[in-house]
């Protein structure tokens, strides 16, 4: 009995020590807002070739709708939260690297064209939705491909790690799927005849077409075969940072600044005319909770 009590005592001591160490490590982990306050920098992962959301223009400037949302809406909200001016640092991210960059602490926020999905919510948290689109196909004019039903036996290009690639793989049995690290390489493969079509979210395909040397040679076909709500991703469980990001977006929606930024990029005089439907505008407004 004495021996058993000693053994039980040792086990309980180890459990207590383990919990104590875990608690110290857990409690001592630096939050995103604490990191930003310490460094004075908000670091985002974003794209270099996804016009008009995030891309490098002819003047070698890193610009886009998603970047403007961060600079004009989110950065001021984060600065207010930490009580000091905060500068913005941009790092390149791609579908295959977005979550690892967040998990490693290399970036604090993914601001590009990331679809908010249930499986991704197991790994990261998302802001409220800031754009809604769906997947389609970019083809050479005159192509027999008119939608997902025509992909049997065809060579289809998609981005690595994208929801589009996953859906094509699941829904089309006899397809030759090729995945590319970014949009420019996917479009280049299409232009060179290495694939029969390139699939991505419709708005991104429209951006590729608009920036192509001869836009008239290309057309976007097919009904949406997916629902793609874009959100900004951040490390999971960091509720204070998520609240600051959402506060900035909601303030922009309430003041109308969000819609001004949208008009700049997607209005009649924007990089890519893509009018916001009344239904989508209502959806955006309803996401902003009362003060």
C-alpha atoms as a PDB file:
ATOM      1  CA  UNK A   1       0.000   0.000   0.000  1.00  0.00           C
ATOM      2  CA  UNK A   2       2.843   2.370   0.898  1.00  0.00           C
ATOM      3  CA  UNK A   3       4.528   1.593  -2.420  1.00  0.00           C
ATOM      4  CA  UNK A   4       1.300   2.273  -4.338  1.00  0.00           C
ATOM      5  CA  UNK A   5       0.772   5.585  -2.526  1.00  0.00           C
ATOM      6  CA  UNK A   6       4.312   6.646  -3.419  1.00  0.00           C
ATOM      7  CA  UNK A   7       3.816   5.761  -7.056  1.00  0.00           C
ATOM      8  CA  UNK A   8       0.505   7.621  -7.139  1.00  0.00           C
ATOM      9  CA  UNK A   9       2.163  10.623  -5.489  1.00  0.00           C
ATOM     10  CA  UNK A  10       4.934  10.703  -8.113  1.00  0.00           C
ATOM     11  CA  UNK A  11       2.398  10.481 -10.964  1.00  0.00           C
ATOM     12  CA  UNK A  12       0.305  13.318  -9.512  1.00  0.00           C
ATOM     13  CA  UNK A  13       3.428  15.430  -9.070  1.00  0.00           C
ATOM     14  CA  UNK A  14       4.418  14.955 -12.711  1.00  0.00           C
ATOM     15  CA  UNK A  15       0.886  15.800 -13.875  1.00  0.00           C
ATOM     16  CA  UNK A  16       0.903  18.952 -11.722  1.00  0.00           C
ATOM     17  CA  UNK A  17       4.304  19.990 -13.052  1.00  0.00           C
ATOM     18  CA  UNK A  18       3.221  19.315 -16.636  1.00  0.00           C
ATOM     19  CA  UNK A  19       0.097  21.410 -16.247  1.00  0.00           C
ATOM     20  CA  UNK A  20       2.099  24.160 -14.588  1.00  0.00           C
ATOM     21  CA  UNK A  21       4.654  24.285 -17.395  1.00  0.00           C
ATOM     22  CA  UNK A  22       1.909  24.211 -20.043  1.00  0.00           C
ATOM     23  CA  UNK A  23       0.062  26.986 -18.281  1.00  0.00           C
ATOM     24  CA  UNK A  24       3.145  29.213 -18.126  1.00  0.00           C
ATOM     25  CA  UNK A  25       3.962  28.611 -21.783  1.00  0.00           C
ATOM     26  CA  UNK A  26       0.386  29.121 -22.854  1.00  0.00           C
ATOM     27  CA  UNK A  27      -0.129  32.253 -20.786  1.00  0.00           C
ATOM     28  CA  UNK A  28       3.251  33.639 -21.856  1.00  0.00           C
ATOM     29  CA  UNK A  29       2.655  33.264 -25.601  1.00  0.00           C
ATOM     30  CA  UNK A  30       2.799  36.649 -27.329  1.00  0.00           C
ATOM     31  CA  UNK A  31      -0.458  37.654 -28.993  1.00  0.00           C
ATOM     32  CA  UNK A  32      -0.525  39.260 -32.436  1.00  0.00           C
ATOM     33  CA  UNK A  33      -1.424  42.670 -30.995  1.00  0.00           C
ATOM     34  CA  UNK A  34       1.421  42.399 -28.472  1.00  0.00           C
ATOM     35  CA  UNK A  35       3.822  41.520 -31.298  1.00  0.00           C
ATOM     36  CA  UNK A  36       2.600  44.489 -33.348  1.00  0.00           C
ATOM     37  CA  UNK A  37       2.904  46.818 -30.344  1.00  0.00           C
ATOM     38  CA  UNK A  38       6.461  45.599 -29.723  1.00  0.00           C
ATOM     39  CA  UNK A  39       7.649  45.838 -33.350  1.00  0.00           C
ATOM     40  CA  UNK A  40       5.472  48.728 -34.531  1.00  0.00           C
ATOM     41  CA  UNK A  41       4.722  46.695 -37.671  1.00  0.00           C
ATOM     42  CA  UNK A  42       1.753  44.804 -39.091  1.00  0.00           C
ATOM     43  CA  UNK A  43       3.076  42.183 -41.526  1.00  0.00           C
ATOM     44  CA  UNK A  44       0.730  40.885 -44.205  1.00  0.00           C
ATOM     45  CA  UNK A  45       1.096  38.052 -46.679  1.00  0.00           C
ATOM     46  CA  UNK A  46      -0.300  39.014 -50.054  1.00  0.00           C
ATOM     47  CA  UNK A  47      -0.065  38.303 -53.772  1.00  0.00           C
ATOM     48  CA  UNK A  48       2.154  39.731 -56.510  1.00  0.00           C
ATOM     49  CA  UNK A  49       0.124  38.610 -59.525  1.00  0.00           C
ATOM     50  CA  UNK A  50      -3.594  38.701 -58.658  1.00  0.00           C
ATOM     51  CA  UNK A  51      -4.978  41.909 -60.152  1.00  0.00           C
ATOM     52  CA  UNK A  52      -6.859  43.868 -59.001  1.00  0.00           C
ATOM     53  CA  UNK A  53      -6.673  42.435 -55.461  1.00  0.00           C
ATOM     54  CA  UNK A  54      -2.908  42.411 -54.968  1.00  0.00           C
ATOM     55  CA  UNK A  55      -0.206  42.751 -57.620  1.00  0.00           C
ATOM     56  CA  UNK A  56       2.926  44.622 -58.620  1.00  0.00           C
ATOM     57  CA  UNK A  57       2.077  47.260 -61.238  1.00  0.00           C
ATOM     58  CA  UNK A  58       4.211  48.678 -64.052  1.00  0.00           C
ATOM     59  CA  UNK A  59       5.679  51.242 -61.670  1.00  0.00           C
ATOM     60  CA  UNK A  60       6.847  48.348 -59.454  1.00  0.00           C
ATOM     61  CA  UNK A  61       4.326  49.354 -56.770  1.00  0.00           C
ATOM     62  CA  UNK A  62       2.541  46.715 -54.686  1.00  0.00           C
ATOM     63  CA  UNK A  63      -1.117  47.689 -55.003  1.00  0.00           C
ATOM     64  CA  UNK A  64      -4.654  46.338 -55.083  1.00  0.00           C
ATOM     65  CA  UNK A  65      -8.094  46.247 -53.497  1.00  0.00           C
ATOM     66  CA  UNK A  66      -7.062  43.935 -50.647  1.00  0.00           C
ATOM     67  CA  UNK A  67      -3.994  46.043 -49.897  1.00  0.00           C
ATOM     68  CA  UNK A  68      -6.062  49.239 -49.843  1.00  0.00           C
ATOM     69  CA  UNK A  69      -8.464  47.651 -47.356  1.00  0.00           C
ATOM     70  CA  UNK A  70      -5.542  46.920 -45.044  1.00  0.00           C
ATOM     71  CA  UNK A  71      -3.856  50.310 -45.461  1.00  0.00           C
ATOM     72  CA  UNK A  72      -6.983  52.457 -45.205  1.00  0.00           C
ATOM     73  CA  UNK A  73      -9.275  50.481 -42.882  1.00  0.00           C
ATOM     74  CA  UNK A  74      -7.447  47.788 -40.913  1.00  0.00           C
ATOM     75  CA  UNK A  75      -4.138  49.527 -40.192  1.00  0.00           C
ATOM     76  CA  UNK A  76      -5.822  52.539 -38.507  1.00  0.00           C
ATOM     77  CA  UNK A  77      -7.956  50.191 -36.377  1.00  0.00           C
ATOM     78  CA  UNK A  78      -4.918  48.178 -35.295  1.00  0.00           C
ATOM     79  CA  UNK A  79      -2.935  51.376 -34.559  1.00  0.00           C
ATOM     80  CA  UNK A  80      -5.793  52.628 -32.393  1.00  0.00           C
ATOM     81  CA  UNK A  81      -5.972  49.302 -30.565  1.00  0.00           C
ATOM     82  CA  UNK A  82      -2.248  49.221 -29.699  1.00  0.00           C
ATOM     83  CA  UNK A  83      -2.147  52.953 -28.971  1.00  0.00           C
ATOM     84  CA  UNK A  84       0.675  53.872 -31.350  1.00  0.00           C
ATOM     85  CA  UNK A  85       1.331  54.363 -35.091  1.00  0.00           C
ATOM     86  CA  UNK A  86       1.898  51.087 -36.928  1.00  0.00           C
ATOM     87  CA  UNK A  87       3.643  50.649 -40.260  1.00  0.00           C
ATOM     88  CA  UNK A  88       2.748  48.028 -42.870  1.00  0.00           C
ATOM     89  CA  UNK A  89       5.137  45.398 -44.193  1.00  0.00           C
ATOM     90  CA  UNK A  90       4.200  43.184 -47.155  1.00  0.00           C
ATOM     91  CA  UNK A  91       5.505  39.704 -47.887  1.00  0.00           C
ATOM     92  CA  UNK A  92       4.647  37.511 -50.852  1.00  0.00           C
ATOM     93  CA  UNK A  93       2.314  34.590 -50.210  1.00  0.00           C
ATOM     94  CA  UNK A  94       0.698  31.952 -52.421  1.00  0.00           C
ATOM     95  CA  UNK A  95      -2.060  29.386 -51.801  1.00  0.00           C
ATOM     96  CA  UNK A  96       0.467  26.736 -50.770  1.00  0.00           C
ATOM     97  CA  UNK A  97       2.362  29.045 -48.364  1.00  0.00           C
ATOM     98  CA  UNK A  98      -0.380  31.171 -46.771  1.00  0.00           C
ATOM     99  CA  UNK A  99      -1.194  29.028 -43.736  1.00  0.00           C
ATOM    100  CA  UNK A 100       2.454  28.040 -43.035  1.00  0.00           C
ATOM    101  CA  UNK A 101       3.430  31.736 -43.104  1.00  0.00           C
ATOM    102  CA  UNK A 102       0.742  32.499 -40.541  1.00  0.00           C
ATOM    103  CA  UNK A 103       1.526  29.497 -38.338  1.00  0.00           C
ATOM    104  CA  UNK A 104       5.238  30.289 -38.255  1.00  0.00           C
ATOM    105  CA  UNK A 105       4.615  33.910 -37.282  1.00  0.00           C
ATOM    106  CA  UNK A 106       6.253  35.215 -40.472  1.00  0.00           C
ATOM    107  CA  UNK A 107       3.080  37.192 -41.242  1.00  0.00           C
ATOM    108  CA  UNK A 108       0.180  38.404 -39.092  1.00  0.00           C
ATOM    109  CA  UNK A 109      -2.555  38.563 -41.712  1.00  0.00           C
ATOM    110  CA  UNK A 110      -3.232  37.110 -45.161  1.00  0.00           C
ATOM    111  CA  UNK A 111      -4.730  39.820 -47.353  1.00  0.00           C
ATOM    112  CA  UNK A 112      -5.245  38.656 -50.899  1.00  0.00           C
ATOM    113  CA  UNK A 113      -7.766  36.284 -52.438  1.00  0.00           C
ATOM    114  CA  UNK A 114      -8.169  33.557 -49.823  1.00  0.00           C
ATOM    115  CA  UNK A 115     -11.518  31.771 -49.721  1.00  0.00           C
ATOM    116  CA  UNK A 116     -13.029  31.239 -46.279  1.00  0.00           C
ATOM    117  CA  UNK A 117     -13.805  27.492 -46.074  1.00  0.00           C
ATOM    118  CA  UNK A 118     -14.756  25.128 -43.244  1.00  0.00           C
ATOM    119  CA  UNK A 119     -11.611  22.968 -43.550  1.00  0.00           C
ATOM    120  CA  UNK A 120      -9.400  26.094 -43.467  1.00  0.00           C
ATOM    121  CA  UNK A 121     -11.187  27.249 -40.318  1.00  0.00           C
ATOM    122  CA  UNK A 122      -9.656  24.242 -38.585  1.00  0.00           C
ATOM    123  CA  UNK A 123      -6.246  25.894 -39.032  1.00  0.00           C
ATOM    124  CA  UNK A 124      -6.878  29.658 -39.134  1.00  0.00           C
ATOM    125  CA  UNK A 125      -9.499  32.274 -38.314  1.00  0.00           C
ATOM    126  CA  UNK A 126     -11.065  34.573 -40.880  1.00  0.00           C
ATOM    127  CA  UNK A 127     -12.279  38.132 -40.888  1.00  0.00           C
ATOM    128  CA  UNK A 128     -15.728  38.963 -42.155  1.00  0.00           C
ATOM    129  CA  UNK A 129     -16.178  38.460 -45.900  1.00  0.00           C
ATOM    130  CA  UNK A 130     -14.913  41.348 -48.034  1.00  0.00           C
ATOM    131  CA  UNK A 131     -15.596  39.950 -51.532  1.00  0.00           C
ATOM    132  CA  UNK A 132     -17.789  37.261 -53.082  1.00  0.00           C
ATOM    133  CA  UNK A 133     -17.190  35.457 -56.367  1.00  0.00           C
ATOM    134  CA  UNK A 134     -17.253  31.942 -57.879  1.00  0.00           C
ATOM    135  CA  UNK A 135     -15.022  29.715 -60.016  1.00  0.00           C
ATOM    136  CA  UNK A 136     -15.177  29.732 -63.836  1.00  0.00           C
ATOM    137  CA  UNK A 137     -12.885  29.002 -66.806  1.00  0.00           C
ATOM    138  CA  UNK A 138     -10.632  31.090 -69.033  1.00  0.00           C
ATOM    139  CA  UNK A 139     -10.333  29.764 -72.582  1.00  0.00           C
ATOM    140  CA  UNK A 140      -9.202  30.825 -76.021  1.00  0.00           C
ATOM    141  CA  UNK A 141     -12.111  32.227 -78.024  1.00  0.00           C
ATOM    142  CA  UNK A 142     -13.844  29.451 -79.923  1.00  0.00           C
ATOM    143  CA  UNK A 143     -12.916  26.758 -77.410  1.00  0.00           C
ATOM    144  CA  UNK A 144     -15.402  23.859 -77.104  1.00  0.00           C
ATOM    145  CA  UNK A 145     -15.178  24.210 -73.301  1.00  0.00           C
ATOM    146  CA  UNK A 146     -18.251  26.053 -72.037  1.00  0.00           C
ATOM    147  CA  UNK A 147     -18.329  24.843 -68.451  1.00  0.00           C
ATOM    148  CA  UNK A 148     -17.336  22.155 -65.969  1.00  0.00           C
ATOM    149  CA  UNK A 149     -19.407  19.591 -67.876  1.00  0.00           C
ATOM    150  CA  UNK A 150     -16.986  19.826 -70.840  1.00  0.00           C
ATOM    151  CA  UNK A 151     -13.757  18.981 -69.001  1.00  0.00           C
ATOM    152  CA  UNK A 152     -13.665  15.224 -69.623  1.00  0.00           C
ATOM    153  CA  UNK A 153     -10.308  14.321 -71.140  1.00  0.00           C
ATOM    154  CA  UNK A 154      -9.155  17.945 -71.158  1.00  0.00           C
ATOM    155  CA  UNK A 155      -6.005  19.507 -69.714  1.00  0.00           C
ATOM    156  CA  UNK A 156      -7.017  21.906 -66.964  1.00  0.00           C
ATOM    157  CA  UNK A 157      -4.743  24.367 -65.194  1.00  0.00           C
ATOM    158  CA  UNK A 158      -5.369  25.552 -61.628  1.00  0.00           C
ATOM    159  CA  UNK A 159      -3.456  27.087 -58.743  1.00  0.00           C
ATOM    160  CA  UNK A 160      -1.692  24.909 -56.208  1.00  0.00           C
ATOM    161  CA  UNK A 161      -3.621  24.663 -52.965  1.00  0.00           C
ATOM    162  CA  UNK A 162      -6.726  26.364 -54.347  1.00  0.00           C
ATOM    163  CA  UNK A 163     -10.322  25.343 -53.685  1.00  0.00           C
ATOM    164  CA  UNK A 164     -10.802  25.267 -57.459  1.00  0.00           C
ATOM    165  CA  UNK A 165      -8.208  22.511 -57.925  1.00  0.00           C
ATOM    166  CA  UNK A 166      -9.782  20.455 -55.138  1.00  0.00           C
ATOM    167  CA  UNK A 167     -13.285  20.748 -56.624  1.00  0.00           C
ATOM    168  CA  UNK A 168     -12.129  19.802 -60.132  1.00  0.00           C
ATOM    169  CA  UNK A 169     -10.310  16.784 -58.728  1.00  0.00           C
ATOM    170  CA  UNK A 170     -13.424  15.686 -56.822  1.00  0.00           C
ATOM    171  CA  UNK A 171     -16.057  16.356 -59.490  1.00  0.00           C
ATOM    172  CA  UNK A 172     -14.387  15.499 -62.810  1.00  0.00           C
ATOM    173  CA  UNK A 173     -13.173  11.921 -63.193  1.00  0.00           C
ATOM    174  CA  UNK A 174     -11.330  11.936 -66.523  1.00  0.00           C
ATOM    175  CA  UNK A 175      -9.359  15.180 -66.360  1.00  0.00           C
ATOM    176  CA  UNK A 176      -5.675  16.047 -66.634  1.00  0.00           C
ATOM    177  CA  UNK A 177      -5.205  18.564 -63.833  1.00  0.00           C
ATOM    178  CA  UNK A 178      -2.022  20.636 -63.763  1.00  0.00           C
ATOM    179  CA  UNK A 179      -1.359  22.915 -60.792  1.00  0.00           C
ATOM    180  CA  UNK A 180       0.727  26.077 -60.989  1.00  0.00           C
ATOM    181  CA  UNK A 181       2.347  28.136 -58.224  1.00  0.00           C
ATOM    182  CA  UNK A 182       0.704  31.402 -59.300  1.00  0.00           C
ATOM    183  CA  UNK A 183      -1.683  32.936 -61.802  1.00  0.00           C
ATOM    184  CA  UNK A 184       0.875  34.321 -64.271  1.00  0.00           C
ATOM    185  CA  UNK A 185       2.450  30.868 -64.735  1.00  0.00           C
ATOM    186  CA  UNK A 186      -1.011  29.319 -65.171  1.00  0.00           C
ATOM    187  CA  UNK A 187      -1.992  31.880 -67.802  1.00  0.00           C
ATOM    188  CA  UNK A 188       1.353  31.440 -69.569  1.00  0.00           C
ATOM    189  CA  UNK A 189       0.717  27.691 -69.826  1.00  0.00           C
ATOM    190  CA  UNK A 190      -2.714  28.432 -71.318  1.00  0.00           C
ATOM    191  CA  UNK A 191      -1.292  30.935 -73.813  1.00  0.00           C
ATOM    192  CA  UNK A 192       1.373  28.426 -74.871  1.00  0.00           C
ATOM    193  CA  UNK A 193      -1.190  25.647 -75.386  1.00  0.00           C
ATOM    194  CA  UNK A 194       0.076  23.486 -72.519  1.00  0.00           C
ATOM    195  CA  UNK A 195      -3.451  23.371 -71.029  1.00  0.00           C
ATOM    196  CA  UNK A 196      -6.883  23.712 -72.642  1.00  0.00           C
ATOM    197  CA  UNK A 197      -8.304  25.989 -69.945  1.00  0.00           C
ATOM    198  CA  UNK A 198      -7.257  27.729 -66.777  1.00  0.00           C
ATOM    199  CA  UNK A 199      -9.708  27.799 -63.875  1.00  0.00           C
ATOM    200  CA  UNK A 200      -9.868  30.228 -61.009  1.00  0.00           C
ATOM    201  CA  UNK A 201     -12.365  32.572 -59.387  1.00  0.00           C
ATOM    202  CA  UNK A 202     -14.214  34.505 -62.074  1.00  0.00           C
ATOM    203  CA  UNK A 203     -13.035  37.894 -60.867  1.00  0.00           C
ATOM    204  CA  UNK A 204      -9.399  36.784 -60.949  1.00  0.00           C
ATOM    205  CA  UNK A 205      -9.801  35.409 -64.469  1.00  0.00           C
ATOM    206  CA  UNK A 206     -11.264  38.769 -65.493  1.00  0.00           C
ATOM    207  CA  UNK A 207      -8.132  40.402 -64.065  1.00  0.00           C
ATOM    208  CA  UNK A 208      -5.873  38.076 -66.056  1.00  0.00           C
ATOM    209  CA  UNK A 209      -7.838  38.713 -69.229  1.00  0.00           C
ATOM    210  CA  UNK A 210      -7.733  42.482 -68.742  1.00  0.00           C
ATOM    211  CA  UNK A 211      -3.939  42.433 -68.280  1.00  0.00           C
ATOM    212  CA  UNK A 212      -3.292  40.058 -71.232  1.00  0.00           C
ATOM    213  CA  UNK A 213      -1.506  41.487 -74.322  1.00  0.00           C
ATOM    214  CA  UNK A 214      -4.612  40.780 -76.432  1.00  0.00           C
ATOM    215  CA  UNK A 215      -7.666  40.561 -74.140  1.00  0.00           C
ATOM    216  CA  UNK A 216      -9.993  39.961 -77.092  1.00  0.00           C
ATOM    217  CA  UNK A 217      -8.422  36.548 -77.686  1.00  0.00           C
ATOM    218  CA  UNK A 218      -9.803  35.199 -74.424  1.00  0.00           C
ATOM    219  CA  UNK A 219     -13.185  34.607 -72.865  1.00  0.00           C
ATOM    220  CA  UNK A 220     -14.497  33.562 -69.467  1.00  0.00           C
ATOM    221  CA  UNK A 221     -17.035  30.739 -69.645  1.00  0.00           C
ATOM    222  CA  UNK A 222     -19.277  28.633 -67.447  1.00  0.00           C
ATOM    223  CA  UNK A 223     -21.611  29.220 -64.552  1.00  0.00           C
ATOM    224  CA  UNK A 224     -20.056  29.491 -61.103  1.00  0.00           C
ATOM    225  CA  UNK A 225     -19.221  25.944 -59.976  1.00  0.00           C
ATOM    226  CA  UNK A 226     -18.219  27.110 -56.493  1.00  0.00           C
ATOM    227  CA  UNK A 227     -19.009  29.813 -53.944  1.00  0.00           C
ATOM    228  CA  UNK A 228     -15.889  31.792 -53.017  1.00  0.00           C
ATOM    229  CA  UNK A 229     -16.251  34.234 -50.101  1.00  0.00           C
ATOM    230  CA  UNK A 230     -12.924  36.012 -49.581  1.00  0.00           C
ATOM    231  CA  UNK A 231     -11.778  36.741 -46.041  1.00  0.00           C
ATOM    232  CA  UNK A 232      -8.540  37.835 -44.414  1.00  0.00           C
ATOM    233  CA  UNK A 233      -6.905  34.978 -42.528  1.00  0.00           C
ATOM    234  CA  UNK A 234      -5.086  35.170 -39.205  1.00  0.00           C
ATOM    235  CA  UNK A 235      -3.747  32.846 -36.526  1.00  0.00           C
ATOM    236  CA  UNK A 236      -6.426  30.763 -34.876  1.00  0.00           C
ATOM    237  CA  UNK A 237      -7.749  31.745 -31.460  1.00  0.00           C
ATOM    238  CA  UNK A 238      -6.409  35.318 -31.406  1.00  0.00           C
ATOM    239  CA  UNK A 239      -9.789  36.935 -30.753  1.00  0.00           C
ATOM    240  CA  UNK A 240      -8.506  40.425 -29.874  1.00  0.00           C
ATOM    241  CA  UNK A 241      -6.639  40.769 -33.172  1.00  0.00           C
ATOM    242  CA  UNK A 242      -9.588  39.382 -35.119  1.00  0.00           C
ATOM    243  CA  UNK A 243     -11.854  41.920 -33.411  1.00  0.00           C
ATOM    244  CA  UNK A 244      -9.496  44.755 -34.409  1.00  0.00           C
ATOM    245  CA  UNK A 245      -9.398  43.598 -38.043  1.00  0.00           C
ATOM    246  CA  UNK A 246     -13.175  43.260 -38.188  1.00  0.00           C
ATOM    247  CA  UNK A 247     -13.640  46.606 -36.447  1.00  0.00           C
ATOM    248  CA  UNK A 248     -11.642  48.305 -39.200  1.00  0.00           C
ATOM    249  CA  UNK A 249     -13.664  46.630 -41.936  1.00  0.00           C
ATOM    250  CA  UNK A 250     -16.981  47.382 -40.209  1.00  0.00           C
ATOM    251  CA  UNK A 251     -16.056  51.040 -39.679  1.00  0.00           C
ATOM    252  CA  UNK A 252     -15.291  51.209 -43.394  1.00  0.00           C
ATOM    253  CA  UNK A 253     -18.628  49.663 -44.287  1.00  0.00           C
ATOM    254  CA  UNK A 254     -20.532  51.988 -41.922  1.00  0.00           C
ATOM    255  CA  UNK A 255     -18.766  55.133 -43.177  1.00  0.00           C
ATOM    256  CA  UNK A 256     -18.961  54.174 -46.842  1.00  0.00           C
ATOM    257  CA  UNK A 257     -15.163  54.116 -47.207  1.00  0.00           C
ATOM    258  CA  UNK A 258     -15.248  50.381 -47.987  1.00  0.00           C
ATOM    259  CA  UNK A 259     -17.539  51.020 -50.964  1.00  0.00           C
ATOM    260  CA  UNK A 260     -15.364  53.923 -52.162  1.00  0.00           C
ATOM    261  CA  UNK A 261     -12.363  51.589 -52.234  1.00  0.00           C
ATOM    262  CA  UNK A 262     -14.444  48.985 -54.076  1.00  0.00           C
ATOM    263  CA  UNK A 263     -15.498  51.609 -56.633  1.00  0.00           C
ATOM    264  CA  UNK A 264     -11.857  52.632 -57.160  1.00  0.00           C
ATOM    265  CA  UNK A 265     -10.916  49.117 -58.273  1.00  0.00           C
ATOM    266  CA  UNK A 266     -14.159  47.671 -59.641  1.00  0.00           C
ATOM    267  CA  UNK A 267     -16.208  50.712 -60.701  1.00  0.00           C
ATOM    268  CA  UNK A 268     -16.626  51.942 -64.315  1.00  0.00           C
ATOM    269  CA  UNK A 269     -13.258  53.742 -64.182  1.00  0.00           C
ATOM    270  CA  UNK A 270     -11.522  51.072 -62.147  1.00  0.00           C
ATOM    271  CA  UNK A 271      -8.883  48.532 -63.110  1.00  0.00           C
ATOM    272  CA  UNK A 272     -11.567  45.902 -63.594  1.00  0.00           C
ATOM    273  CA  UNK A 273     -15.224  46.998 -63.874  1.00  0.00           C
ATOM    274  CA  UNK A 274     -17.260  44.566 -61.763  1.00  0.00           C
ATOM    275  CA  UNK A 275     -20.308  46.316 -60.296  1.00  0.00           C
ATOM    276  CA  UNK A 276     -21.392  45.267 -56.815  1.00  0.00           C
ATOM    277  CA  UNK A 277     -24.928  43.866 -56.969  1.00  0.00           C
ATOM    278  CA  UNK A 278     -27.573  45.236 -54.576  1.00  0.00           C
ATOM    279  CA  UNK A 279     -27.737  41.784 -52.939  1.00  0.00           C
ATOM    280  CA  UNK A 280     -23.973  41.712 -52.261  1.00  0.00           C
ATOM    281  CA  UNK A 281     -24.072  45.285 -50.916  1.00  0.00           C
ATOM    282  CA  UNK A 282     -26.834  44.280 -48.479  1.00  0.00           C
ATOM    283  CA  UNK A 283     -24.789  41.262 -47.438  1.00  0.00           C
ATOM    284  CA  UNK A 284     -21.772  43.490 -46.736  1.00  0.00           C
ATOM    285  CA  UNK A 285     -23.851  45.938 -44.701  1.00  0.00           C
ATOM    286  CA  UNK A 286     -25.514  43.184 -42.665  1.00  0.00           C
ATOM    287  CA  UNK A 287     -22.087  41.874 -41.613  1.00  0.00           C
ATOM    288  CA  UNK A 288     -21.438  45.086 -39.687  1.00  0.00           C
ATOM    289  CA  UNK A 289     -22.834  44.551 -36.193  1.00  0.00           C
ATOM    290  CA  UNK A 290     -24.299  47.479 -34.200  1.00  0.00           C
ATOM    291  CA  UNK A 291     -21.952  49.617 -32.126  1.00  0.00           C
END
